């Protein structure tokens, strides 16, 4: 399924992570794919309430949590810069779908 939201269909997810050699490309790809899948799931489910959207963003956040050890195994980590990039992308996504939520609530279960 392709993303149909105009603001997101051509958005460069985790762009700054790709530009930084500290982050292994194959792991950045995994982060990007999780965010793309989140957008596709939002479009499929079409959540009407904040709580419905948060279920989706929390699931995506937990998927990224599962990558923490892979980053560490590859001499990298989801450190401050990565956290800011990922949080900004999550924020852009929720706003693009018309939600106005605090980013800390959006990514509440994060371990990064």
PDB file of N, CA and C in Angstrom:
ATOM      1  N   UNK A   1       0.839  -1.176   0.000  1.00  0.00           N
ATOM      2  CA  UNK A   1       0.000   0.000   0.000  1.00  0.00           C
ATOM      3  C   UNK A   1       0.890   1.248   0.000  1.00  0.00           C
ATOM      4  N   UNK A   2       0.608   2.168  -0.861  1.00  0.00           N
ATOM      5  CA  UNK A   2       1.375   3.414  -0.926  1.00  0.00           C
ATOM      6  C   UNK A   2       0.718   4.476  -0.043  1.00  0.00           C
ATOM      7  N   UNK A   3       1.524   5.339   0.513  1.00  0.00           N
ATOM      8  CA  UNK A   3       1.020   6.434   1.328  1.00  0.00           C
ATOM      9  C   UNK A   3       0.305   7.419   0.406  1.00  0.00           C
ATOM     10  N   UNK A   4      -0.908   7.795   0.778  1.00  0.00           N
ATOM     11  CA  UNK A   4      -1.679   8.716  -0.063  1.00  0.00           C
ATOM     12  C   UNK A   4      -1.670  10.149   0.468  1.00  0.00           C
ATOM     13  N   UNK A   5      -1.295  10.350   1.723  1.00  0.00           N
ATOM     14  CA  UNK A   5      -1.238  11.693   2.289  1.00  0.00           C
ATOM     15  C   UNK A   5      -0.199  12.509   1.525  1.00  0.00           C
ATOM     16  N   UNK A   6      -0.631  13.628   0.967  1.00  0.00           N
ATOM     17  CA  UNK A   6       0.260  14.450   0.129  1.00  0.00           C
ATOM     18  C   UNK A   6       1.515  14.917   0.869  1.00  0.00           C
ATOM     19  N   UNK A   7       1.367  15.243   2.136  1.00  0.00           N
ATOM     20  CA  UNK A   7       2.515  15.729   2.904  1.00  0.00           C
ATOM     21  C   UNK A   7       3.531  14.637   3.193  1.00  0.00           C
ATOM     22  N   UNK A   8       3.088  13.391   3.153  1.00  0.00           N
ATOM     23  CA  UNK A   8       3.964  12.281   3.522  1.00  0.00           C
ATOM     24  C   UNK A   8       4.411  11.419   2.349  1.00  0.00           C
ATOM     25  N   UNK A   9       3.698  11.467   1.247  1.00  0.00           N
ATOM     26  CA  UNK A   9       4.007  10.564   0.132  1.00  0.00           C
ATOM     27  C   UNK A   9       5.404  10.791  -0.442  1.00  0.00           C
ATOM     28  N   UNK A  10       5.915  12.002  -0.319  1.00  0.00           N
ATOM     29  CA  UNK A  10       7.268  12.268  -0.824  1.00  0.00           C
ATOM     30  C   UNK A  10       8.210  12.708   0.302  1.00  0.00           C
ATOM     31  N   UNK A  11       7.795  12.505   1.532  1.00  0.00           N
ATOM     32  CA  UNK A  11       8.589  12.903   2.688  1.00  0.00           C
ATOM     33  C   UNK A  11       9.813  11.999   2.817  1.00  0.00           C
ATOM     34  N   UNK A  12      10.935  12.577   3.160  1.00  0.00           N
ATOM     35  CA  UNK A  12      12.176  11.818   3.355  1.00  0.00           C
ATOM     36  C   UNK A  12      12.326  11.459   4.833  1.00  0.00           C
ATOM     37  N   UNK A  13      11.810  10.305   5.201  1.00  0.00           N
ATOM     38  CA  UNK A  13      11.888   9.848   6.578  1.00  0.00           C
ATOM     39  C   UNK A  13      13.334   9.628   7.001  1.00  0.00           C
ATOM     40  N   UNK A  14      13.651   9.979   8.214  1.00  0.00           N
ATOM     41  CA  UNK A  14      14.970   9.846   8.849  1.00  0.00           C
ATOM     42  C   UNK A  14      16.125  10.300   7.954  1.00  0.00           C
ATOM     43  N   UNK A  15      15.877  11.326   7.191  1.00  0.00           N
ATOM     44  CA  UNK A  15      16.859  11.828   6.229  1.00  0.00           C
ATOM     45  C   UNK A  15      18.216  12.121   6.884  1.00  0.00           C
ATOM     46  N   UNK A  16      18.179  12.794   8.025  1.00  0.00           N
ATOM     47  CA  UNK A  16      19.432  13.170   8.684  1.00  0.00           C
ATOM     48  C   UNK A  16      20.210  11.959   9.176  1.00  0.00           C
ATOM     49  N   UNK A  17      19.513  10.874   9.488  1.00  0.00           N
ATOM     50  CA  UNK A  17      20.222   9.658   9.901  1.00  0.00           C
ATOM     51  C   UNK A  17      20.958   9.051   8.712  1.00  0.00           C
ATOM     52  N   UNK A  18      20.364   9.139   7.530  1.00  0.00           N
ATOM     53  CA  UNK A  18      21.047   8.650   6.326  1.00  0.00           C
ATOM     54  C   UNK A  18      22.297   9.470   6.034  1.00  0.00           C
ATOM     55  N   UNK A  19      22.271  10.744   6.396  1.00  0.00           N
ATOM     56  CA  UNK A  19      23.390  11.637   6.106  1.00  0.00           C
ATOM     57  C   UNK A  19      24.539  11.489   7.096  1.00  0.00           C
ATOM     58  N   UNK A  20      24.337  10.728   8.158  1.00  0.00           N
ATOM     59  CA  UNK A  20      25.340  10.562   9.204  1.00  0.00           C
ATOM     60  C   UNK A  20      25.882   9.127   9.164  1.00  0.00           C
ATOM     61  N   UNK A  21      27.154   8.981   8.865  1.00  0.00           N
ATOM     62  CA  UNK A  21      27.776   7.661   8.745  1.00  0.00           C
ATOM     63  C   UNK A  21      27.767   6.864  10.046  1.00  0.00           C
ATOM     64  N   UNK A  22      27.478   7.518  11.146  1.00  0.00           N
ATOM     65  CA  UNK A  22      27.427   6.832  12.439  1.00  0.00           C
ATOM     66  C   UNK A  22      26.312   5.787  12.482  1.00  0.00           C
ATOM     67  N   UNK A  23      25.278   6.012  11.688  1.00  0.00           N
ATOM     68  CA  UNK A  23      24.128   5.110  11.677  1.00  0.00           C
ATOM     69  C   UNK A  23      24.210   4.163  10.488  1.00  0.00           C
ATOM     70  N   UNK A  24      24.263   2.845  10.734  1.00  0.00           N
ATOM     71  CA  UNK A  24      24.327   1.881   9.625  1.00  0.00           C
ATOM     72  C   UNK A  24      23.083   2.003   8.734  1.00  0.00           C
ATOM     73  N   UNK A  25      23.304   2.091   7.458  1.00  0.00           N
ATOM     74  CA  UNK A  25      22.214   2.311   6.507  1.00  0.00           C
ATOM     75  C   UNK A  25      21.130   1.251   6.627  1.00  0.00           C
ATOM     76  N   UNK A  26      21.511  -0.007   6.801  1.00  0.00           N
ATOM     77  CA  UNK A  26      20.485  -1.050   6.849  1.00  0.00           C
ATOM     78  C   UNK A  26      19.581  -0.904   8.071  1.00  0.00           C
ATOM     79  N   UNK A  27      20.106  -0.316   9.154  1.00  0.00           N
ATOM     80  CA  UNK A  27      19.281  -0.080  10.333  1.00  0.00           C
ATOM     81  C   UNK A  27      18.431   1.176  10.177  1.00  0.00           C
ATOM     82  N   UNK A  28      18.987   2.168   9.506  1.00  0.00           N
ATOM     83  CA  UNK A  28      18.193   3.362   9.200  1.00  0.00           C
ATOM     84  C   UNK A  28      17.045   2.968   8.281  1.00  0.00           C
ATOM     85  N   UNK A  29      17.310   2.059   7.343  1.00  0.00           N
ATOM     86  CA  UNK A  29      16.234   1.543   6.478  1.00  0.00           C
ATOM     87  C   UNK A  29      15.111   0.931   7.314  1.00  0.00           C
ATOM     88  N   UNK A  30      15.490   0.184   8.350  1.00  0.00           N
ATOM     89  CA  UNK A  30      14.479  -0.436   9.205  1.00  0.00           C
ATOM     90  C   UNK A  30      13.641   0.622   9.918  1.00  0.00           C
ATOM     91  N   UNK A  31      14.279   1.671  10.400  1.00  0.00           N
ATOM     92  CA  UNK A  31      13.540   2.767  11.052  1.00  0.00           C
ATOM     93  C   UNK A  31      12.587   3.425  10.044  1.00  0.00           C
ATOM     94  N   UNK A  32      13.111   3.716   8.866  1.00  0.00           N
ATOM     95  CA  UNK A  32      12.275   4.332   7.826  1.00  0.00           C
ATOM     96  C   UNK A  32      11.091   3.429   7.489  1.00  0.00           C
ATOM     97  N   UNK A  33      11.336   2.146   7.345  1.00  0.00           N
ATOM     98  CA  UNK A  33      10.257   1.223   6.998  1.00  0.00           C
ATOM     99  C   UNK A  33       9.183   1.156   8.084  1.00  0.00           C
ATOM    100  N   UNK A  34       9.585   1.260   9.334  1.00  0.00           N
ATOM    101  CA  UNK A  34       8.618   1.281  10.433  1.00  0.00           C
ATOM    102  C   UNK A  34       7.751   2.530  10.335  1.00  0.00           C
ATOM    103  N   UNK A  35       8.359   3.663  10.045  1.00  0.00           N
ATOM    104  CA  UNK A  35       7.588   4.903   9.930  1.00  0.00           C
ATOM    105  C   UNK A  35       6.652   4.878   8.716  1.00  0.00           C
ATOM    106  N   UNK A  36       7.116   4.320   7.622  1.00  0.00           N
ATOM    107  CA  UNK A  36       6.258   4.190   6.436  1.00  0.00           C
ATOM    108  C   UNK A  36       5.090   3.254   6.745  1.00  0.00           C
ATOM    109  N   UNK A  37       5.383   2.146   7.410  1.00  0.00           N
ATOM    110  CA  UNK A  37       4.317   1.205   7.789  1.00  0.00           C
ATOM    111  C   UNK A  37       3.321   1.865   8.737  1.00  0.00           C
ATOM    112  N   UNK A  38       3.807   2.740   9.618  1.00  0.00           N
ATOM    113  CA  UNK A  38       2.916   3.482  10.507  1.00  0.00           C
ATOM    114  C   UNK A  38       1.956   4.339   9.690  1.00  0.00           C
ATOM    115  N   UNK A  39       2.473   5.055   8.718  1.00  0.00           N
ATOM    116  CA  UNK A  39       1.618   5.888   7.861  1.00  0.00           C
ATOM    117  C   UNK A  39       0.581   5.030   7.133  1.00  0.00           C
ATOM    118  N   UNK A  40       1.016   3.923   6.593  1.00  0.00           N
ATOM    119  CA  UNK A  40       0.092   3.032   5.885  1.00  0.00           C
ATOM    120  C   UNK A  40      -0.986   2.504   6.821  1.00  0.00           C
ATOM    121  N   UNK A  41      -0.601   2.187   8.043  1.00  0.00           N
ATOM    122  CA  UNK A  41      -1.568   1.677   9.019  1.00  0.00           C
ATOM    123  C   UNK A  41      -2.545   2.778   9.436  1.00  0.00           C
ATOM    124  N   UNK A  42      -2.056   3.990   9.599  1.00  0.00           N
ATOM    125  CA  UNK A  42      -2.948   5.113   9.920  1.00  0.00           C
ATOM    126  C   UNK A  42      -3.972   5.292   8.805  1.00  0.00           C
ATOM    127  N   UNK A  43      -3.520   5.205   7.579  1.00  0.00           N
ATOM    128  CA  UNK A  43      -4.443   5.366   6.446  1.00  0.00           C
ATOM    129  C   UNK A  43      -5.416   4.193   6.352  1.00  0.00           C
ATOM    130  N   UNK A  44      -4.974   3.009   6.691  1.00  0.00           N
ATOM    131  CA  UNK A  44      -5.846   1.835   6.635  1.00  0.00           C
ATOM    132  C   UNK A  44      -6.911   1.885   7.733  1.00  0.00           C
ATOM    133  N   UNK A  45      -6.478   2.226   8.948  1.00  0.00           N
ATOM    134  CA  UNK A  45      -7.371   2.224  10.104  1.00  0.00           C
ATOM    135  C   UNK A  45      -8.207   3.505  10.185  1.00  0.00           C
ATOM    136  N   UNK A  46      -7.607   4.624   9.773  1.00  0.00           N
ATOM    137  CA  UNK A  46      -8.247   5.933   9.839  1.00  0.00           C
ATOM    138  C   UNK A  46      -8.743   6.236  11.266  1.00  0.00           C
ATOM    139  N   UNK A  47      -7.819   6.328  12.231  1.00  0.00           N
ATOM    140  CA  UNK A  47      -8.219   6.544  13.614  1.00  0.00           C
ATOM    141  C   UNK A  47      -8.962   7.867  13.795  1.00  0.00           C
ATOM    142  N   UNK A  48     -10.039   7.817  14.554  1.00  0.00           N
ATOM    143  CA  UNK A  48     -10.851   9.009  14.789  1.00  0.00           C
ATOM    144  C   UNK A  48     -10.485   9.688  16.105  1.00  0.00           C
ATOM    145  N   UNK A  49      -9.966   8.913  17.043  1.00  0.00           N
ATOM    146  CA  UNK A  49      -9.659   9.445  18.368  1.00  0.00           C
ATOM    147  C   UNK A  49      -8.153   9.411  18.619  1.00  0.00           C
ATOM    148  N   UNK A  50      -7.729  10.333  19.475  1.00  0.00           N
ATOM    149  CA  UNK A  50      -6.314  10.367  19.850  1.00  0.00           C
ATOM    150  C   UNK A  50      -5.847   9.016  20.363  1.00  0.00           C
ATOM    151  N   UNK A  51      -6.656   8.380  21.186  1.00  0.00           N
ATOM    152  CA  UNK A  51      -6.258   7.097  21.771  1.00  0.00           C
ATOM    153  C   UNK A  51      -6.051   6.031  20.699  1.00  0.00           C
ATOM    154  N   UNK A  52      -6.843   6.089  19.640  1.00  0.00           N
ATOM    155  CA  UNK A  52      -6.674   5.125  18.542  1.00  0.00           C
ATOM    156  C   UNK A  52      -5.362   5.365  17.804  1.00  0.00           C
ATOM    157  N   UNK A  53      -5.042   6.627  17.588  1.00  0.00           N
ATOM    158  CA  UNK A  53      -3.772   6.952  16.932  1.00  0.00           C
ATOM    159  C   UNK A  53      -2.600   6.551  17.817  1.00  0.00           C
ATOM    160  N   UNK A  54      -2.716   6.804  19.117  1.00  0.00           N
ATOM    161  CA  UNK A  54      -1.624   6.477  20.031  1.00  0.00           C
ATOM    162  C   UNK A  54      -1.335   4.982  20.065  1.00  0.00           C
ATOM    163  N   UNK A  55      -2.347   4.165  19.908  1.00  0.00           N
ATOM    164  CA  UNK A  55      -2.102   2.718  19.828  1.00  0.00           C
ATOM    165  C   UNK A  55      -1.158   2.410  18.671  1.00  0.00           C
ATOM    166  N   UNK A  56      -1.365   3.092  17.550  1.00  0.00           N
ATOM    167  CA  UNK A  56      -0.540   2.857  16.363  1.00  0.00           C
ATOM    168  C   UNK A  56       0.865   3.417  16.543  1.00  0.00           C
ATOM    169  N   UNK A  57       0.973   4.639  17.083  1.00  0.00           N
ATOM    170  CA  UNK A  57       2.307   5.222  17.257  1.00  0.00           C
ATOM    171  C   UNK A  57       3.098   4.476  18.322  1.00  0.00           C
ATOM    172  N   UNK A  58       2.420   3.993  19.350  1.00  0.00           N
ATOM    173  CA  UNK A  58       3.119   3.236  20.387  1.00  0.00           C
ATOM    174  C   UNK A  58       3.639   1.906  19.837  1.00  0.00           C
ATOM    175  N   UNK A  59       2.859   1.265  18.992  1.00  0.00           N
ATOM    176  CA  UNK A  59       3.311   0.010  18.378  1.00  0.00           C
ATOM    177  C   UNK A  59       4.554   0.263  17.519  1.00  0.00           C
ATOM    178  N   UNK A  60       4.557   1.352  16.753  1.00  0.00           N
ATOM    179  CA  UNK A  60       5.720   1.684  15.922  1.00  0.00           C
ATOM    180  C   UNK A  60       6.924   2.023  16.797  1.00  0.00           C
ATOM    181  N   UNK A  61       6.694   2.743  17.879  1.00  0.00           N
ATOM    182  CA  UNK A  61       7.775   3.087  18.814  1.00  0.00           C
ATOM    183  C   UNK A  61       8.394   1.823  19.396  1.00  0.00           C
ATOM    184  N   UNK A  62       7.553   0.872  19.751  1.00  0.00           N
ATOM    185  CA  UNK A  62       8.063  -0.387  20.312  1.00  0.00           C
ATOM    186  C   UNK A  62       8.849  -1.180  19.273  1.00  0.00           C
ATOM    187  N   UNK A  63       8.462  -1.079  18.011  1.00  0.00           N
ATOM    188  CA  UNK A  63       9.249  -1.735  16.950  1.00  0.00           C
ATOM    189  C   UNK A  63      10.641  -1.121  16.862  1.00  0.00           C
ATOM    190  N   UNK A  64      10.706   0.203  16.987  1.00  0.00           N
ATOM    191  CA  UNK A  64      12.014   0.864  16.971  1.00  0.00           C
ATOM    192  C   UNK A  64      12.800   0.480  18.219  1.00  0.00           C
ATOM    193  N   UNK A  65      12.121   0.341  19.360  1.00  0.00           N
ATOM    194  CA  UNK A  65      12.793  -0.117  20.579  1.00  0.00           C
ATOM    195  C   UNK A  65      13.532  -1.431  20.334  1.00  0.00           C
ATOM    196  N   UNK A  66      12.944  -2.294  19.545  1.00  0.00           N
ATOM    197  CA  UNK A  66      13.543  -3.601  19.275  1.00  0.00           C
ATOM    198  C   UNK A  66      14.844  -3.496  18.470  1.00  0.00           C
ATOM    199  N   UNK A  67      15.096  -2.326  17.883  1.00  0.00           N
ATOM    200  CA  UNK A  67      16.318  -2.131  17.097  1.00  0.00           C
ATOM    201  C   UNK A  67      17.495  -1.631  17.927  1.00  0.00           C
ATOM    202  N   UNK A  68      17.237  -1.245  19.169  1.00  0.00           N
ATOM    203  CA  UNK A  68      18.286  -0.655  20.002  1.00  0.00           C
ATOM    204  C   UNK A  68      19.516  -1.554  20.069  1.00  0.00           C
ATOM    205  N   UNK A  69      19.327  -2.829  20.359  1.00  0.00           N
ATOM    206  CA  UNK A  69      20.483  -3.726  20.483  1.00  0.00           C
ATOM    207  C   UNK A  69      21.175  -3.942  19.139  1.00  0.00           C
ATOM    208  N   UNK A  70      20.416  -3.929  18.058  1.00  0.00           N
ATOM    209  CA  UNK A  70      21.043  -4.055  16.727  1.00  0.00           C
ATOM    210  C   UNK A  70      21.946  -2.865  16.441  1.00  0.00           C
ATOM    211  N   UNK A  71      21.494  -1.669  16.810  1.00  0.00           N
ATOM    212  CA  UNK A  71      22.352  -0.489  16.642  1.00  0.00           C
ATOM    213  C   UNK A  71      23.624  -0.668  17.460  1.00  0.00           C
ATOM    214  N   UNK A  72      23.474  -1.088  18.714  1.00  0.00           N
ATOM    215  CA  UNK A  72      24.637  -1.269  19.580  1.00  0.00           C
ATOM    216  C   UNK A  72      25.573  -2.341  19.039  1.00  0.00           C
ATOM    217  N   UNK A  73      25.030  -3.430  18.497  1.00  0.00           N
ATOM    218  CA  UNK A  73      25.844  -4.498  17.916  1.00  0.00           C
ATOM    219  C   UNK A  73      26.630  -4.026  16.702  1.00  0.00           C
ATOM    220  N   UNK A  74      26.217  -2.906  16.122  1.00  0.00           N
ATOM    221  CA  UNK A  74      26.875  -2.351  14.940  1.00  0.00           C
ATOM    222  C   UNK A  74      27.587  -1.038  15.263  1.00  0.00           C
ATOM    223  N   UNK A  75      28.056  -0.938  16.507  1.00  0.00           N
ATOM    224  CA  UNK A  75      28.835   0.223  16.969  1.00  0.00           C
ATOM    225  C   UNK A  75      28.126   1.548  16.742  1.00  0.00           C
ATOM    226  N   UNK A  76      26.842   1.550  16.996  1.00  0.00           N
ATOM    227  CA  UNK A  76      26.030   2.747  16.868  1.00  0.00           C
ATOM    228  C   UNK A  76      25.017   2.728  18.006  1.00  0.00           C
ATOM    229  N   UNK A  77      24.217   3.749  18.103  1.00  0.00           N
ATOM    230  CA  UNK A  77      23.133   3.754  19.076  1.00  0.00           C
ATOM    231  C   UNK A  77      22.116   4.815  18.700  1.00  0.00           C
ATOM    232  N   UNK A  78      20.935   4.658  19.230  1.00  0.00           N
ATOM    233  CA  UNK A  78      19.889   5.652  19.016  1.00  0.00           C
ATOM    234  C   UNK A  78      20.071   6.725  20.085  1.00  0.00           C
ATOM    235  N   UNK A  79      21.084   7.556  19.862  1.00  0.00           N
ATOM    236  CA  UNK A  79      21.463   8.584  20.806  1.00  0.00           C
ATOM    237  C   UNK A  79      20.688   9.874  20.548  1.00  0.00           C
ATOM    238  N   UNK A  80      21.119  10.939  21.169  1.00  0.00           N
ATOM    239  CA  UNK A  80      20.381  12.202  21.147  1.00  0.00           C
ATOM    240  C   UNK A  80      19.969  12.635  19.747  1.00  0.00           C
ATOM    241  N   UNK A  81      20.886  12.633  18.815  1.00  0.00           N
ATOM    242  CA  UNK A  81      20.572  13.076  17.454  1.00  0.00           C
ATOM    243  C   UNK A  81      19.503  12.182  16.826  1.00  0.00           C
ATOM    244  N   UNK A  82      19.655  10.885  16.968  1.00  0.00           N
ATOM    245  CA  UNK A  82      18.671   9.953  16.406  1.00  0.00           C
ATOM    246  C   UNK A  82      17.318  10.125  17.082  1.00  0.00           C
ATOM    247  N   UNK A  83      17.317  10.308  18.391  1.00  0.00           N
ATOM    248  CA  UNK A  83      16.054  10.512  19.116  1.00  0.00           C
ATOM    249  C   UNK A  83      15.321  11.736  18.580  1.00  0.00           C
ATOM    250  N   UNK A  84      16.057  12.812  18.369  1.00  0.00           N
ATOM    251  CA  UNK A  84      15.447  14.044  17.866  1.00  0.00           C
ATOM    252  C   UNK A  84      14.904  13.858  16.451  1.00  0.00           C
ATOM    253  N   UNK A  85      15.651  13.164  15.615  1.00  0.00           N
ATOM    254  CA  UNK A  85      15.215  12.918  14.232  1.00  0.00           C
ATOM    255  C   UNK A  85      13.959  12.051  14.224  1.00  0.00           C
ATOM    256  N   UNK A  86      13.971  10.971  14.974  1.00  0.00           N
ATOM    257  CA  UNK A  86      12.815  10.075  15.022  1.00  0.00           C
ATOM    258  C   UNK A  86      11.596  10.785  15.612  1.00  0.00           C
ATOM    259  N   UNK A  87      11.802  11.525  16.694  1.00  0.00           N
ATOM    260  CA  UNK A  87      10.688  12.251  17.314  1.00  0.00           C
ATOM    261  C   UNK A  87      10.105  13.277  16.343  1.00  0.00           C
ATOM    262  N   UNK A  88      10.965  13.971  15.610  1.00  0.00           N
ATOM    263  CA  UNK A  88      10.484  14.961  14.637  1.00  0.00           C
ATOM    264  C   UNK A  88       9.661  14.290  13.536  1.00  0.00           C
ATOM    265  N   UNK A  89      10.092  13.117  13.101  1.00  0.00           N
ATOM    266  CA  UNK A  89       9.336  12.404  12.073  1.00  0.00           C
ATOM    267  C   UNK A  89       7.990  11.917  12.610  1.00  0.00           C
ATOM    268  N   UNK A  90       7.971  11.386  13.823  1.00  0.00           N
ATOM    269  CA  UNK A  90       6.703  10.992  14.434  1.00  0.00           C
ATOM    270  C   UNK A  90       5.774  12.207  14.537  1.00  0.00           C
ATOM    271  N   UNK A  91       6.319  13.337  14.965  1.00  0.00           N
ATOM    272  CA  UNK A  91       5.529  14.560  15.107  1.00  0.00           C
ATOM    273  C   UNK A  91       4.974  15.002  13.751  1.00  0.00           C
ATOM    274  N   UNK A  92       5.810  14.951  12.731  1.00  0.00           N
ATOM    275  CA  UNK A  92       5.367  15.331  11.383  1.00  0.00           C
ATOM    276  C   UNK A  92       4.234  14.411  10.921  1.00  0.00           C
ATOM    277  N   UNK A  93       4.360  13.141  11.185  1.00  0.00           N
ATOM    278  CA  UNK A  93       3.345  12.164  10.781  1.00  0.00           C
ATOM    279  C   UNK A  93       2.012  12.462  11.454  1.00  0.00           C
ATOM    280  N   UNK A  94       2.005  12.596  12.775  1.00  0.00           N
ATOM    281  CA  UNK A  94       0.721  12.789  13.462  1.00  0.00           C
ATOM    282  C   UNK A  94       0.065  14.100  13.041  1.00  0.00           C
ATOM    283  N   UNK A  95       0.859  15.139  12.841  1.00  0.00           N
ATOM    284  CA  UNK A  95       0.296  16.417  12.395  1.00  0.00           C
ATOM    285  C   UNK A  95      -0.226  16.316  10.965  1.00  0.00           C
ATOM    286  N   UNK A  96       0.468  15.576  10.116  1.00  0.00           N
ATOM    287  CA  UNK A  96       0.019  15.419   8.726  1.00  0.00           C
ATOM    288  C   UNK A  96      -1.330  14.725   8.652  1.00  0.00           C
ATOM    289  N   UNK A  97      -1.638  13.928   9.651  1.00  0.00           N
ATOM    290  CA  UNK A  97      -2.937  13.244   9.686  1.00  0.00           C
ATOM    291  C   UNK A  97      -3.958  13.992  10.545  1.00  0.00           C
ATOM    292  N   UNK A  98      -3.638  15.235  10.905  1.00  0.00           N
ATOM    293  CA  UNK A  98      -4.605  16.096  11.560  1.00  0.00           C
ATOM    294  C   UNK A  98      -4.706  15.979  13.066  1.00  0.00           C
ATOM    295  N   UNK A  99      -3.711  15.378  13.702  1.00  0.00           N
ATOM    296  CA  UNK A  99      -3.733  15.237  15.151  1.00  0.00           C
ATOM    297  C   UNK A  99      -2.776  16.247  15.773  1.00  0.00           C
ATOM    298  N   UNK A 100      -3.129  16.730  16.936  1.00  0.00           N
ATOM    299  CA  UNK A 100      -2.285  17.676  17.662  1.00  0.00           C
ATOM    300  C   UNK A 100      -2.005  17.092  19.038  1.00  0.00           C
ATOM    301  N   UNK A 101      -0.945  16.311  19.120  1.00  0.00           N
ATOM    302  CA  UNK A 101      -0.599  15.608  20.351  1.00  0.00           C
ATOM    303  C   UNK A 101       0.823  15.956  20.767  1.00  0.00           C
ATOM    304  N   UNK A 102       1.061  15.930  22.064  1.00  0.00           N
ATOM    305  CA  UNK A 102       2.401  16.135  22.585  1.00  0.00           C
ATOM    306  C   UNK A 102       3.280  14.973  22.132  1.00  0.00           C
ATOM    307  N   UNK A 103       4.458  15.275  21.626  1.00  0.00           N
ATOM    308  CA  UNK A 103       5.328  14.240  21.070  1.00  0.00           C
ATOM    309  C   UNK A 103       5.721  13.210  22.133  1.00  0.00           C
ATOM    310  N   UNK A 104       5.858  13.629  23.375  1.00  0.00           N
ATOM    311  CA  UNK A 104       6.204  12.671  24.427  1.00  0.00           C
ATOM    312  C   UNK A 104       5.098  11.640  24.617  1.00  0.00           C
ATOM    313  N   UNK A 105       3.861  12.047  24.393  1.00  0.00           N
ATOM    314  CA  UNK A 105       2.744  11.110  24.477  1.00  0.00           C
ATOM    315  C   UNK A 105       2.743  10.178  23.260  1.00  0.00           C
ATOM    316  N   UNK A 106       3.106  10.727  22.112  1.00  0.00           N
ATOM    317  CA  UNK A 106       3.113   9.951  20.865  1.00  0.00           C
ATOM    318  C   UNK A 106       4.118   8.802  20.922  1.00  0.00           C
ATOM    319  N   UNK A 107       5.273   9.078  21.510  1.00  0.00           N
ATOM    320  CA  UNK A 107       6.342   8.066  21.558  1.00  0.00           C
ATOM    321  C   UNK A 107       6.616   7.623  23.004  1.00  0.00           C
ATOM    322  N   UNK A 108       5.588   7.623  23.819  1.00  0.00           N
ATOM    323  CA  UNK A 108       5.719   7.331  25.257  1.00  0.00           C
ATOM    324  C   UNK A 108       6.490   6.050  25.588  1.00  0.00           C
ATOM    325  N   UNK A 109       6.309   4.946  24.869  1.00  0.00           N
ATOM    326  CA  UNK A 109       7.024   3.724  25.275  1.00  0.00           C
ATOM    327  C   UNK A 109       8.469   3.623  24.781  1.00  0.00           C
ATOM    328  N   UNK A 110       9.046   4.712  24.326  1.00  0.00           N
ATOM    329  CA  UNK A 110      10.387   4.646  23.725  1.00  0.00           C
ATOM    330  C   UNK A 110      11.461   4.282  24.727  1.00  0.00           C
ATOM    331  N   UNK A 111      12.437   3.527  24.251  1.00  0.00           N
ATOM    332  CA  UNK A 111      13.617   3.150  25.033  1.00  0.00           C
ATOM    333  C   UNK A 111      14.865   3.796  24.425  1.00  0.00           C
ATOM    334  N   UNK A 112      14.701   4.764  23.572  1.00  0.00           N
ATOM    335  CA  UNK A 112      15.826   5.397  22.899  1.00  0.00           C
ATOM    336  C   UNK A 112      15.861   6.880  23.194  1.00  0.00           C
TER     337      UNK A 112
END
